[in-house]
Amino acid sequence: MGLFRRSPPAGRHGLVAVAVAAAAVLLAACGGSSPSSNPNAIVSQVGGPPQTSSTYPGALLFPHSYPKPTTTLEDTAGAPYDISSETKGKLTLVYFGYTHCPDLCPLNMETAATAIARLPKDERSEVHVVFITTDPDRDTPSVIRIWLDHFDPSFVGLTGTIQQIRQTEATSGVPLSFAEHATEAGASYAVVHAGFILVYTQDDRAHVEFPAEISPAQEAQDIRTLLQHGWQG
């Protein structure tokens, strides 16, 4: 599986640095794939350079913030779900991925679940986690629900048409996902997608991301800082 990444290289995920125009964008071929064994794992995408801040250890700051998407998708109960209205004024973590992902998708979800579990009980309910599938053909609502329940039953799972999902990605400022469909009928396929969690603060804008390399302790600390003080730019 290929992932769009804006985070610094980390050998354990087999990252490949790619220079695009004047901005450096880091992309990952997950599961240890290499360009020679999986030539489709590397894609080009222009993006801003990552910035760090001692206020939010482990997180990466965006060059500019992004508003919450207003697309209405479908949750795992079959009900319409508008992230913007459903989580208005709430600290919200949004992740685009898919349940067949072999490594970084479950890693990001597990890190988020572990970080939230580290919070004081009265703060846990103040954090909303929303998973949006980039593979609606395989990720039915029931498949998403079963998968998310392995991490935290409170996590919201959303699906929709490819057009709706890409519109949501575009509004969110992340690269558009796409499937690397297998050439043989019935064979499995991978989906290239953003490999980081968007963090929408109480002003309903995403100022930072949680990269896959962030530790649960760092993520918990950043979440507590945002819950207690809001965004401090």
C-alpha atoms as a PDB file:
ATOM      1  CA  MET A   1       0.000   0.000   0.000  1.00  0.00           C
ATOM      2  CA  GLY A   2       1.237   3.486  -0.795  1.00  0.00           C
ATOM      3  CA  LEU A   3       0.606   6.403   1.523  1.00  0.00           C
ATOM      4  CA  PHE A   4       0.872  10.133   0.981  1.00  0.00           C
ATOM      5  CA  ARG A   5       2.987  11.464   3.826  1.00  0.00           C
ATOM      6  CA  ARG A   6       4.117  14.868   5.033  1.00  0.00           C
ATOM      7  CA  SER A   7       6.022  13.541   8.025  1.00  0.00           C
ATOM      8  CA  PRO A   8       9.778  13.014   8.436  1.00  0.00           C
ATOM      9  CA  PRO A   9      11.259   9.740   7.169  1.00  0.00           C
ATOM     10  CA  ALA A  10      11.170   6.700   9.455  1.00  0.00           C
ATOM     11  CA  GLY A  11      12.925   3.524   8.414  1.00  0.00           C
ATOM     12  CA  ARG A  12      10.485   1.161  10.063  1.00  0.00           C
ATOM     13  CA  HIS A  13       7.830   2.053   7.477  1.00  0.00           C
ATOM     14  CA  GLY A  14      10.068   1.941   4.406  1.00  0.00           C
ATOM     15  CA  LEU A  15       9.678   5.597   3.462  1.00  0.00           C
ATOM     16  CA  VAL A  16      10.975   7.086   0.250  1.00  0.00           C
ATOM     17  CA  ALA A  17      11.729  10.808   0.017  1.00  0.00           C
ATOM     18  CA  VAL A  18      10.576  12.457  -3.197  1.00  0.00           C
ATOM     19  CA  ALA A  19      11.405  16.022  -4.213  1.00  0.00           C
ATOM     20  CA  VAL A  20       8.557  17.759  -6.023  1.00  0.00           C
ATOM     21  CA  ALA A  21       9.263  21.224  -7.461  1.00  0.00           C
ATOM     22  CA  ALA A  22      10.423  23.495  -4.637  1.00  0.00           C
ATOM     23  CA  ALA A  23       8.661  21.597  -1.869  1.00  0.00           C
ATOM     24  CA  ALA A  24       9.746  18.239  -0.492  1.00  0.00           C
ATOM     25  CA  VAL A  25       6.969  15.706  -0.037  1.00  0.00           C
ATOM     26  CA  LEU A  26       7.530  12.408   1.744  1.00  0.00           C
ATOM     27  CA  LEU A  27       5.582   9.395   0.584  1.00  0.00           C
ATOM     28  CA  ALA A  28       5.518   5.886   1.984  1.00  0.00           C
ATOM     29  CA  ALA A  29       5.369   2.436   0.488  1.00  0.00           C
ATOM     30  CA  CYS A  30       3.914   0.606   3.467  1.00  0.00           C
ATOM     31  CA  GLY A  31       4.735  -2.927   4.426  1.00  0.00           C
ATOM     32  CA  GLY A  32       8.337  -2.541   3.316  1.00  0.00           C
ATOM     33  CA  SER A  33       7.588  -2.305  -0.415  1.00  0.00           C
ATOM     34  CA  SER A  34      10.258  -0.761  -2.588  1.00  0.00           C
ATOM     35  CA  PRO A  35      10.051   1.113  -5.908  1.00  0.00           C
ATOM     36  CA  SER A  36      11.414  -1.924  -7.773  1.00  0.00           C
ATOM     37  CA  SER A  37       8.957  -4.388  -6.247  1.00  0.00           C
ATOM     38  CA  ASN A  38       5.984  -2.020  -6.386  1.00  0.00           C
ATOM     39  CA  PRO A  39       6.484   0.761  -8.955  1.00  0.00           C
ATOM     40  CA  ASN A  40       3.009   2.176  -8.297  1.00  0.00           C
ATOM     41  CA  ALA A  41       3.787   2.815  -4.619  1.00  0.00           C
ATOM     42  CA  ILE A  42       5.426   6.181  -5.369  1.00  0.00           C
ATOM     43  CA  VAL A  43       3.274   9.079  -6.504  1.00  0.00           C
ATOM     44  CA  SER A  44       3.944  12.787  -6.866  1.00  0.00           C
ATOM     45  CA  GLN A  45       2.055  15.321  -4.776  1.00  0.00           C
ATOM     46  CA  VAL A  46       3.030  18.903  -4.009  1.00  0.00           C
ATOM     47  CA  GLY A  47       2.710  19.922  -0.370  1.00  0.00           C
ATOM     48  CA  GLY A  48       4.069  22.302   2.207  1.00  0.00           C
ATOM     49  CA  PRO A  49       7.119  21.501   4.323  1.00  0.00           C
ATOM     50  CA  PRO A  50       6.316  20.150   7.808  1.00  0.00           C
ATOM     51  CA  GLN A  51       6.818  22.414  10.802  1.00  0.00           C
ATOM     52  CA  THR A  52       7.223  21.414  14.424  1.00  0.00           C
ATOM     53  CA  SER A  53       6.389  23.179  17.676  1.00  0.00           C
ATOM     54  CA  SER A  54       7.440  22.502  21.244  1.00  0.00           C
ATOM     55  CA  THR A  55       3.851  23.244  22.273  1.00  0.00           C
ATOM     56  CA  TYR A  56       2.682  20.107  20.460  1.00  0.00           C
ATOM     57  CA  PRO A  57       5.435  17.468  20.658  1.00  0.00           C
ATOM     58  CA  GLY A  58       5.159  14.845  17.942  1.00  0.00           C
ATOM     59  CA  ALA A  59       2.642  16.802  15.884  1.00  0.00           C
ATOM     60  CA  LEU A  60       3.301  18.636  12.624  1.00  0.00           C
ATOM     61  CA  LEU A  61       1.918  22.105  11.903  1.00  0.00           C
ATOM     62  CA  PHE A  62       0.247  22.950   8.593  1.00  0.00           C
ATOM     63  CA  PRO A  63       1.458  26.014   6.641  1.00  0.00           C
ATOM     64  CA  HIS A  64      -2.148  27.231   6.904  1.00  0.00           C
ATOM     65  CA  SER A  65      -5.292  25.823   8.499  1.00  0.00           C
ATOM     66  CA  TYR A  66      -8.187  24.010   6.842  1.00  0.00           C
ATOM     67  CA  PRO A  67     -11.899  24.153   7.717  1.00  0.00           C
ATOM     68  CA  LYS A  68     -13.865  21.031   8.549  1.00  0.00           C
ATOM     69  CA  PRO A  69     -15.406  19.412   5.470  1.00  0.00           C
ATOM     70  CA  THR A  70     -19.133  19.951   4.975  1.00  0.00           C
ATOM     71  CA  THR A  71     -19.761  16.834   2.893  1.00  0.00           C
ATOM     72  CA  THR A  72     -22.547  14.609   4.216  1.00  0.00           C
ATOM     73  CA  LEU A  73     -21.422  10.973   4.312  1.00  0.00           C
ATOM     74  CA  GLU A  74     -23.008   7.811   5.756  1.00  0.00           C
ATOM     75  CA  ASP A  75     -22.137   6.415   9.173  1.00  0.00           C
ATOM     76  CA  THR A  76     -21.980   2.740  10.098  1.00  0.00           C
ATOM     77  CA  ALA A  77     -25.644   2.784  11.188  1.00  0.00           C
ATOM     78  CA  GLY A  78     -26.684   3.997   7.742  1.00  0.00           C
ATOM     79  CA  ALA A  79     -27.482   7.529   8.918  1.00  0.00           C
ATOM     80  CA  PRO A  80     -26.287  10.731   7.227  1.00  0.00           C
ATOM     81  CA  TYR A  81     -23.335  12.339   8.980  1.00  0.00           C
ATOM     82  CA  ASP A  82     -22.026  15.856   8.397  1.00  0.00           C
ATOM     83  CA  ILE A  83     -18.680  16.192  10.174  1.00  0.00           C
ATOM     84  CA  SER A  84     -18.919  19.979  10.297  1.00  0.00           C
ATOM     85  CA  SER A  85     -22.251  20.067  12.121  1.00  0.00           C
ATOM     86  CA  GLU A  86     -21.944  16.830  14.125  1.00  0.00           C
ATOM     87  CA  THR A  87     -18.631  17.865  15.698  1.00  0.00           C
ATOM     88  CA  LYS A  88     -19.040  21.646  15.744  1.00  0.00           C
ATOM     89  CA  GLY A  89     -16.804  23.245  18.371  1.00  0.00           C
ATOM     90  CA  LYS A  90     -15.318  19.868  19.370  1.00  0.00           C
ATOM     91  CA  LEU A  91     -11.746  18.593  19.201  1.00  0.00           C
ATOM     92  CA  THR A  92     -11.975  16.143  16.294  1.00  0.00           C
ATOM     93  CA  LEU A  93      -9.444  13.722  14.823  1.00  0.00           C
ATOM     94  CA  VAL A  94     -10.160  12.735  11.206  1.00  0.00           C
ATOM     95  CA  TYR A  95      -8.383   9.950   9.348  1.00  0.00           C
ATOM     96  CA  PHE A  96      -8.747   8.813   5.736  1.00  0.00           C
ATOM     97  CA  GLY A  97      -7.860   5.133   5.331  1.00  0.00           C
ATOM     98  CA  TYR A  98      -9.212   1.652   4.741  1.00  0.00           C
ATOM     99  CA  THR A  99      -9.740  -1.529   6.709  1.00  0.00           C
ATOM    100  CA  HIS A 100      -7.597  -3.759   4.459  1.00  0.00           C
ATOM    101  CA  CYS A 101      -4.579  -1.544   5.172  1.00  0.00           C
ATOM    102  CA  PRO A 102      -1.740  -3.790   6.419  1.00  0.00           C
ATOM    103  CA  ASP A 103       0.023  -1.399   8.771  1.00  0.00           C
ATOM    104  CA  LEU A 104      -0.325   2.382   9.062  1.00  0.00           C
ATOM    105  CA  CYS A 105      -4.123   2.553   9.215  1.00  0.00           C
ATOM    106  CA  PRO A 106      -4.367   0.221  12.203  1.00  0.00           C
ATOM    107  CA  LEU A 107      -1.280   1.904  13.684  1.00  0.00           C
ATOM    108  CA  ASN A 108      -2.874   5.363  13.509  1.00  0.00           C
ATOM    109  CA  MET A 109      -6.152   4.096  14.972  1.00  0.00           C
ATOM    110  CA  GLU A 110      -4.404   2.172  17.748  1.00  0.00           C
ATOM    111  CA  THR A 111      -2.255   5.186  18.647  1.00  0.00           C
ATOM    112  CA  ALA A 112      -5.339   7.407  18.815  1.00  0.00           C
ATOM    113  CA  ALA A 113      -7.226   4.874  20.954  1.00  0.00           C
ATOM    114  CA  THR A 114      -4.271   4.444  23.317  1.00  0.00           C
ATOM    115  CA  ALA A 115      -3.729   8.200  23.589  1.00  0.00           C
ATOM    116  CA  ILE A 116      -7.376   8.863  24.420  1.00  0.00           C
ATOM    117  CA  ALA A 117      -7.365   6.048  26.995  1.00  0.00           C
ATOM    118  CA  ARG A 118      -4.502   7.887  28.743  1.00  0.00           C
ATOM    119  CA  LEU A 119      -6.670  10.968  29.276  1.00  0.00           C
ATOM    120  CA  PRO A 120      -8.579  11.629  32.487  1.00  0.00           C
ATOM    121  CA  LYS A 121     -12.037  10.084  32.282  1.00  0.00           C
ATOM    122  CA  ASP A 122     -13.839  13.423  32.078  1.00  0.00           C
ATOM    123  CA  GLU A 123     -11.775  14.474  29.030  1.00  0.00           C
ATOM    124  CA  ARG A 124     -12.149  11.326  26.926  1.00  0.00           C
ATOM    125  CA  SER A 125     -15.692  12.124  25.813  1.00  0.00           C
ATOM    126  CA  GLU A 126     -14.542  15.541  24.597  1.00  0.00           C
ATOM    127  CA  VAL A 127     -12.446  13.981  21.809  1.00  0.00           C
ATOM    128  CA  HIS A 128     -14.164  12.794  18.632  1.00  0.00           C
ATOM    129  CA  VAL A 129     -12.451  10.398  16.225  1.00  0.00           C
ATOM    130  CA  VAL A 130     -13.806  10.042  12.688  1.00  0.00           C
ATOM    131  CA  PHE A 131     -12.552   7.416  10.231  1.00  0.00           C
ATOM    132  CA  ILE A 132     -13.428   7.963   6.557  1.00  0.00           C
ATOM    133  CA  THR A 133     -12.881   5.014   4.252  1.00  0.00           C
ATOM    134  CA  THR A 134     -10.972   5.514   1.005  1.00  0.00           C
ATOM    135  CA  ASP A 135     -12.106   2.060  -0.153  1.00  0.00           C
ATOM    136  CA  PRO A 136     -15.933   2.138  -0.215  1.00  0.00           C
ATOM    137  CA  ASP A 137     -16.159  -0.910  -2.505  1.00  0.00           C
ATOM    138  CA  ARG A 138     -14.841  -3.217   0.210  1.00  0.00           C
ATOM    139  CA  ASP A 139     -15.498  -1.139   3.322  1.00  0.00           C
ATOM    140  CA  THR A 140     -19.207  -1.585   3.897  1.00  0.00           C
ATOM    141  CA  PRO A 141     -20.683   0.033   7.018  1.00  0.00           C
ATOM    142  CA  SER A 142     -20.633  -3.301   8.876  1.00  0.00           C
ATOM    143  CA  VAL A 143     -17.015  -3.989   7.902  1.00  0.00           C
ATOM    144  CA  ILE A 144     -15.978  -0.530   9.099  1.00  0.00           C
ATOM    145  CA  ARG A 145     -17.883  -0.928  12.373  1.00  0.00           C
ATOM    146  CA  ILE A 146     -16.316  -4.294  13.202  1.00  0.00           C
ATOM    147  CA  TRP A 147     -12.841  -2.959  12.376  1.00  0.00           C
ATOM    148  CA  LEU A 148     -13.200   0.228  14.426  1.00  0.00           C
ATOM    149  CA  ASP A 149     -14.589  -1.660  17.411  1.00  0.00           C
ATOM    150  CA  HIS A 150     -11.206  -3.364  17.743  1.00  0.00           C
ATOM    151  CA  PHE A 151      -9.773   0.051  18.642  1.00  0.00           C
ATOM    152  CA  ASP A 152     -12.596   2.007  20.293  1.00  0.00           C
ATOM    153  CA  PRO A 153     -16.379   1.555  19.854  1.00  0.00           C
ATOM    154  CA  SER A 154     -16.838   5.330  20.125  1.00  0.00           C
ATOM    155  CA  PHE A 155     -14.925   5.962  16.889  1.00  0.00           C
ATOM    156  CA  VAL A 156     -17.215   7.125  14.079  1.00  0.00           C
ATOM    157  CA  GLY A 157     -16.885   5.366  10.721  1.00  0.00           C
ATOM    158  CA  LEU A 158     -18.025   6.980   7.473  1.00  0.00           C
ATOM    159  CA  THR A 159     -18.411   5.918   3.871  1.00  0.00           C
ATOM    160  CA  GLY A 160     -19.862   7.350   0.663  1.00  0.00           C
ATOM    161  CA  THR A 161     -19.309   7.405  -3.065  1.00  0.00           C
ATOM    162  CA  ILE A 162     -15.820   7.865  -4.462  1.00  0.00           C
ATOM    163  CA  GLN A 163     -16.842  11.354  -5.579  1.00  0.00           C
ATOM    164  CA  GLN A 164     -18.066  12.277  -2.087  1.00  0.00           C
ATOM    165  CA  ILE A 165     -14.922  10.945  -0.443  1.00  0.00           C
ATOM    166  CA  ARG A 166     -12.620  12.800  -2.829  1.00  0.00           C
ATOM    167  CA  GLN A 167     -14.618  15.984  -2.341  1.00  0.00           C
ATOM    168  CA  THR A 168     -14.158  15.570   1.414  1.00  0.00           C
ATOM    169  CA  GLU A 169     -10.418  14.998   0.959  1.00  0.00           C
ATOM    170  CA  ALA A 170     -10.106  18.071  -1.249  1.00  0.00           C
ATOM    171  CA  THR A 171     -11.930  20.257   1.272  1.00  0.00           C
ATOM    172  CA  SER A 172      -9.737  18.871   4.042  1.00  0.00           C
ATOM    173  CA  GLY A 173      -6.532  19.761   2.196  1.00  0.00           C
ATOM    174  CA  VAL A 174      -5.236  16.182   1.891  1.00  0.00           C
ATOM    175  CA  PRO A 175      -4.110  14.491  -1.349  1.00  0.00           C
ATOM    176  CA  LEU A 176      -6.827  12.624  -3.213  1.00  0.00           C
ATOM    177  CA  SER A 177      -6.742   8.874  -2.599  1.00  0.00           C
ATOM    178  CA  PHE A 178      -6.804   6.322  -5.390  1.00  0.00           C
ATOM    179  CA  ALA A 179      -6.877   2.540  -5.695  1.00  0.00           C
ATOM    180  CA  GLU A 180      -4.004   0.567  -7.197  1.00  0.00           C
ATOM    181  CA  HIS A 181      -6.274  -2.084  -8.666  1.00  0.00           C
ATOM    182  CA  ALA A 182      -4.791  -5.507  -9.277  1.00  0.00           C
ATOM    183  CA  THR A 183      -4.511  -6.732 -12.854  1.00  0.00           C
ATOM    184  CA  GLU A 184      -5.836 -10.204 -12.029  1.00  0.00           C
ATOM    185  CA  ALA A 185      -9.517 -10.714 -11.321  1.00  0.00           C
ATOM    186  CA  GLY A 186     -10.223 -11.371  -7.663  1.00  0.00           C
ATOM    187  CA  ALA A 187      -6.760 -10.293  -6.516  1.00  0.00           C
ATOM    188  CA  SER A 188      -6.363  -7.903  -3.618  1.00  0.00           C
ATOM    189  CA  TYR A 189      -5.449  -4.278  -4.228  1.00  0.00           C
ATOM    190  CA  ALA A 190      -4.009  -1.367  -2.270  1.00  0.00           C
ATOM    191  CA  VAL A 191      -5.249   2.199  -1.849  1.00  0.00           C
ATOM    192  CA  VAL A 192      -2.917   5.212  -1.810  1.00  0.00           C
ATOM    193  CA  HIS A 193      -4.109   7.759   0.752  1.00  0.00           C
ATOM    194  CA  ALA A 194      -2.972  10.339   3.304  1.00  0.00           C
ATOM    195  CA  GLY A 195      -1.101   8.641   6.132  1.00  0.00           C
ATOM    196  CA  PHE A 196      -1.717  11.153   8.937  1.00  0.00           C
ATOM    197  CA  ILE A 197      -4.540  12.204  11.261  1.00  0.00           C
ATOM    198  CA  LEU A 198      -6.049  15.646  10.781  1.00  0.00           C
ATOM    199  CA  VAL A 199      -6.617  17.461  14.079  1.00  0.00           C
ATOM    200  CA  TYR A 200      -9.538  19.913  14.096  1.00  0.00           C
ATOM    201  CA  THR A 201      -9.476  22.151  17.147  1.00  0.00           C
ATOM    202  CA  GLN A 202     -12.403  23.892  18.847  1.00  0.00           C
ATOM    203  CA  ASP A 203     -12.364  26.639  16.198  1.00  0.00           C
ATOM    204  CA  ASP A 204     -13.337  23.932  13.670  1.00  0.00           C
ATOM    205  CA  ARG A 205     -10.110  24.242  11.712  1.00  0.00           C
ATOM    206  CA  ALA A 206      -7.198  21.814  11.240  1.00  0.00           C
ATOM    207  CA  HIS A 207      -3.953  23.482  12.252  1.00  0.00           C
ATOM    208  CA  VAL A 208      -1.903  20.336  12.903  1.00  0.00           C
ATOM    209  CA  GLU A 209      -1.632  16.675  11.999  1.00  0.00           C
ATOM    210  CA  PHE A 210      -0.616  13.614  13.979  1.00  0.00           C
ATOM    211  CA  PRO A 211       1.876  11.664  11.832  1.00  0.00           C
ATOM    212  CA  ALA A 212       2.107   7.895  12.136  1.00  0.00           C
ATOM    213  CA  GLU A 213       5.409   8.247  14.003  1.00  0.00           C
ATOM    214  CA  ILE A 214       3.874  10.105  16.961  1.00  0.00           C
ATOM    215  CA  SER A 215       3.849   8.144  20.195  1.00  0.00           C
ATOM    216  CA  PRO A 216       0.657   7.589  22.232  1.00  0.00           C
ATOM    217  CA  ALA A 217       2.184   9.635  25.062  1.00  0.00           C
ATOM    218  CA  GLN A 218       2.940  12.574  22.758  1.00  0.00           C
ATOM    219  CA  GLU A 219      -0.511  12.386  21.175  1.00  0.00           C
ATOM    220  CA  ALA A 220      -2.187  12.290  24.579  1.00  0.00           C
ATOM    221  CA  GLN A 221      -0.157  15.314  25.695  1.00  0.00           C
ATOM    222  CA  ASP A 222      -1.072  17.268  22.558  1.00  0.00           C
ATOM    223  CA  ILE A 223      -4.758  16.383  22.928  1.00  0.00           C
ATOM    224  CA  ARG A 224      -4.779  17.529  26.568  1.00  0.00           C
ATOM    225  CA  THR A 225      -3.081  20.802  25.608  1.00  0.00           C
ATOM    226  CA  LEU A 226      -5.682  21.444  22.917  1.00  0.00           C
ATOM    227  CA  LEU A 227      -8.577  20.491  25.188  1.00  0.00           C
ATOM    228  CA  GLN A 228      -7.412  22.773  27.977  1.00  0.00           C
ATOM    229  CA  HIS A 229      -6.129  25.752  25.991  1.00  0.00           C
ATOM    230  CA  GLY A 230      -7.483  25.470  22.464  1.00  0.00           C
ATOM    231  CA  TRP A 231      -5.290  26.203  19.471  1.00  0.00           C
ATOM    232  CA  GLN A 232      -2.220  28.271  20.319  1.00  0.00           C
ATOM    233  CA  GLY A 233      -0.727  29.418  17.031  1.00  0.00           C
END
